Amino acid sequence: KIRNKQSAQESRKKKKEYIDGLETRMAACNAHNQELQRKVSQLEKCNMSLMEQLRRLQAMVMNSSNKPVQAGTCVLVLLLSFSLILFPSLKPFSDTKAS
């Protein structure tokens, strides 16, 4: 009878430790998820801003005169904007590897 009681106590203790560990992991995952959602929101805002800049620059290129210097400069600015849009997507989780 005593051994059965001790075994039951040990079983309850292990179950409690297991559940505590799961709750700790869940809290950490929730915090990490919120941080990732914040980063996604920030990147979406940045992306929208860059897309708007790109639209303006494309309109400038379409409306600009045929001067080669202005066209060349606008093309370079467009390429720079395009690379800024693509660069974050090349390594989207580079700073999360440290965690």
C-alpha atoms as a PDB file:
ATOM      1  CA  LYS A   1       0.000   0.000   0.000  1.00  0.00           C
ATOM      2  CA  ILE A   2       2.778   2.431   0.887  1.00  0.00           C
ATOM      3  CA  ARG A   3       4.681   1.693  -2.335  1.00  0.00           C
ATOM      4  CA  ASN A   4       1.554   2.318  -4.380  1.00  0.00           C
ATOM      5  CA  LYS A   5       0.996   5.632  -2.603  1.00  0.00           C
ATOM      6  CA  GLN A   6       4.632   6.686  -3.201  1.00  0.00           C
ATOM      7  CA  SER A   7       4.385   5.648  -6.836  1.00  0.00           C
ATOM      8  CA  ALA A   8       1.226   7.718  -7.276  1.00  0.00           C
ATOM      9  CA  GLN A   9       2.879  10.733  -5.628  1.00  0.00           C
ATOM     10  CA  GLU A  10       5.925  10.375  -7.883  1.00  0.00           C
ATOM     11  CA  SER A  11       3.673  10.082 -10.924  1.00  0.00           C
ATOM     12  CA  ARG A  12       1.776  13.251  -9.959  1.00  0.00           C
ATOM     13  CA  LYS A  13       5.060  15.069  -9.344  1.00  0.00           C
ATOM     14  CA  LYS A  14       6.438  14.087 -12.765  1.00  0.00           C
ATOM     15  CA  LYS A  15       3.185  15.091 -14.456  1.00  0.00           C
ATOM     16  CA  LYS A  16       3.260  18.490 -12.731  1.00  0.00           C
ATOM     17  CA  GLU A  17       6.892  19.053 -13.791  1.00  0.00           C
ATOM     18  CA  TYR A  18       6.009  18.079 -17.353  1.00  0.00           C
ATOM     19  CA  ILE A  19       3.037  20.464 -17.454  1.00  0.00           C
ATOM     20  CA  ASP A  20       5.113  23.265 -15.904  1.00  0.00           C
ATOM     21  CA  GLY A  21       7.729  22.739 -18.608  1.00  0.00           C
ATOM     22  CA  LEU A  22       5.082  22.847 -21.329  1.00  0.00           C
ATOM     23  CA  GLU A  23       3.627  26.054 -19.890  1.00  0.00           C
ATOM     24  CA  THR A  24       7.081  27.643 -19.791  1.00  0.00           C
ATOM     25  CA  ARG A  25       7.751  26.637 -23.396  1.00  0.00           C
ATOM     26  CA  MET A  26       4.328  27.922 -24.444  1.00  0.00           C
ATOM     27  CA  ALA A  27       4.968  31.302 -22.808  1.00  0.00           C
ATOM     28  CA  ALA A  28       8.341  31.571 -24.559  1.00  0.00           C
ATOM     29  CA  CYS A  29       6.777  30.619 -27.905  1.00  0.00           C
ATOM     30  CA  ASN A  30       4.009  33.175 -27.427  1.00  0.00           C
ATOM     31  CA  ALA A  31       6.535  35.914 -26.672  1.00  0.00           C
ATOM     32  CA  HIS A  32       8.618  34.929 -29.691  1.00  0.00           C
ATOM     33  CA  ASN A  33       5.499  34.874 -31.865  1.00  0.00           C
ATOM     34  CA  GLN A  34       4.516  38.377 -30.749  1.00  0.00           C
ATOM     35  CA  GLU A  35       8.019  39.647 -31.529  1.00  0.00           C
ATOM     36  CA  LEU A  36       7.880  38.072 -34.995  1.00  0.00           C
ATOM     37  CA  GLN A  37       4.446  39.591 -35.608  1.00  0.00           C
ATOM     38  CA  ARG A  38       5.811  43.003 -34.615  1.00  0.00           C
ATOM     39  CA  LYS A  39       8.725  42.582 -37.031  1.00  0.00           C
ATOM     40  CA  VAL A  40       6.396  41.483 -39.837  1.00  0.00           C
ATOM     41  CA  SER A  41       4.219  44.544 -39.265  1.00  0.00           C
ATOM     42  CA  GLN A  42       7.269  46.815 -39.281  1.00  0.00           C
ATOM     43  CA  LEU A  43       8.597  45.221 -42.476  1.00  0.00           C
ATOM     44  CA  GLU A  44       5.198  45.516 -44.141  1.00  0.00           C
ATOM     45  CA  LYS A  45       5.122  49.249 -43.366  1.00  0.00           C
ATOM     46  CA  CYS A  46       8.655  49.639 -44.695  1.00  0.00           C
ATOM     47  CA  ASN A  47       7.761  47.652 -47.802  1.00  0.00           C
ATOM     48  CA  MET A  48       4.693  49.819 -48.448  1.00  0.00           C
ATOM     49  CA  SER A  49       6.811  52.959 -48.112  1.00  0.00           C
ATOM     50  CA  LEU A  50       9.417  51.611 -50.518  1.00  0.00           C
ATOM     51  CA  MET A  51       6.742  50.547 -52.988  1.00  0.00           C
ATOM     52  CA  GLU A  52       5.264  54.052 -52.902  1.00  0.00           C
ATOM     53  CA  GLN A  53       8.714  55.542 -53.516  1.00  0.00           C
ATOM     54  CA  LEU A  54       9.178  53.138 -56.400  1.00  0.00           C
ATOM     55  CA  ARG A  55       5.833  54.170 -57.914  1.00  0.00           C
ATOM     56  CA  ARG A  56       6.789  57.837 -57.660  1.00  0.00           C
ATOM     57  CA  LEU A  57      10.161  57.197 -59.249  1.00  0.00           C
ATOM     58  CA  GLN A  58       8.580  55.177 -62.044  1.00  0.00           C
ATOM     59  CA  ALA A  59       6.162  58.040 -62.686  1.00  0.00           C
ATOM     60  CA  MET A  60       9.095  60.456 -62.750  1.00  0.00           C
ATOM     61  CA  VAL A  61      10.892  58.274 -65.290  1.00  0.00           C
ATOM     62  CA  MET A  62       7.789  58.064 -67.474  1.00  0.00           C
ATOM     63  CA  ASN A  63       7.209  61.829 -67.309  1.00  0.00           C
ATOM     64  CA  SER A  64      10.825  62.912 -67.545  1.00  0.00           C
ATOM     65  CA  SER A  65      12.341  64.396 -70.643  1.00  0.00           C
ATOM     66  CA  ASN A  66      14.583  62.340 -72.879  1.00  0.00           C
ATOM     67  CA  LYS A  67      17.796  63.673 -71.383  1.00  0.00           C
ATOM     68  CA  PRO A  68      20.134  60.669 -71.003  1.00  0.00           C
ATOM     69  CA  VAL A  69      21.663  61.911 -67.743  1.00  0.00           C
ATOM     70  CA  GLN A  70      18.296  62.258 -65.990  1.00  0.00           C
ATOM     71  CA  ALA A  71      17.068  58.937 -67.326  1.00  0.00           C
ATOM     72  CA  GLY A  72      20.276  57.196 -66.231  1.00  0.00           C
ATOM     73  CA  THR A  73      20.015  58.676 -62.752  1.00  0.00           C
ATOM     74  CA  CYS A  74      16.370  57.640 -62.439  1.00  0.00           C
ATOM     75  CA  VAL A  75      17.184  54.128 -63.578  1.00  0.00           C
ATOM     76  CA  LEU A  76      19.924  53.887 -60.948  1.00  0.00           C
ATOM     77  CA  VAL A  77      17.536  55.163 -58.281  1.00  0.00           C
ATOM     78  CA  LEU A  78      14.942  52.605 -59.405  1.00  0.00           C
ATOM     79  CA  LEU A  79      17.520  49.829 -59.196  1.00  0.00           C
ATOM     80  CA  LEU A  80      18.553  50.990 -55.725  1.00  0.00           C
ATOM     81  CA  SER A  81      14.923  51.063 -54.575  1.00  0.00           C
ATOM     82  CA  PHE A  82      14.296  47.629 -56.048  1.00  0.00           C
ATOM     83  CA  SER A  83      17.349  46.216 -54.269  1.00  0.00           C
ATOM     84  CA  LEU A  84      16.199  47.752 -50.973  1.00  0.00           C
ATOM     85  CA  ILE A  85      12.855  46.024 -51.398  1.00  0.00           C
ATOM     86  CA  LEU A  86      14.446  42.662 -52.157  1.00  0.00           C
ATOM     87  CA  PHE A  87      17.341  42.792 -49.675  1.00  0.00           C
ATOM     88  CA  PRO A  88      15.272  42.164 -46.500  1.00  0.00           C
ATOM     89  CA  SER A  89      13.626  39.166 -48.144  1.00  0.00           C
ATOM     90  CA  LEU A  90      16.978  37.510 -48.872  1.00  0.00           C
ATOM     91  CA  LYS A  91      17.715  36.917 -45.170  1.00  0.00           C
ATOM     92  CA  PRO A  92      14.376  37.367 -43.363  1.00  0.00           C
ATOM     93  CA  PHE A  93      15.454  35.638 -40.143  1.00  0.00           C
ATOM     94  CA  SER A  94      19.157  36.441 -40.058  1.00  0.00           C
ATOM     95  CA  ASP A  95      18.996  38.204 -36.677  1.00  0.00           C
ATOM     96  CA  THR A  96      16.856  35.477 -35.087  1.00  0.00           C
ATOM     97  CA  LYS A  97      19.579  32.818 -35.435  1.00  0.00           C
ATOM     98  CA  ALA A  98      21.278  34.213 -32.343  1.00  0.00           C
ATOM     99  CA  SER A  99      18.240  33.324 -30.200  1.00  0.00           C
END
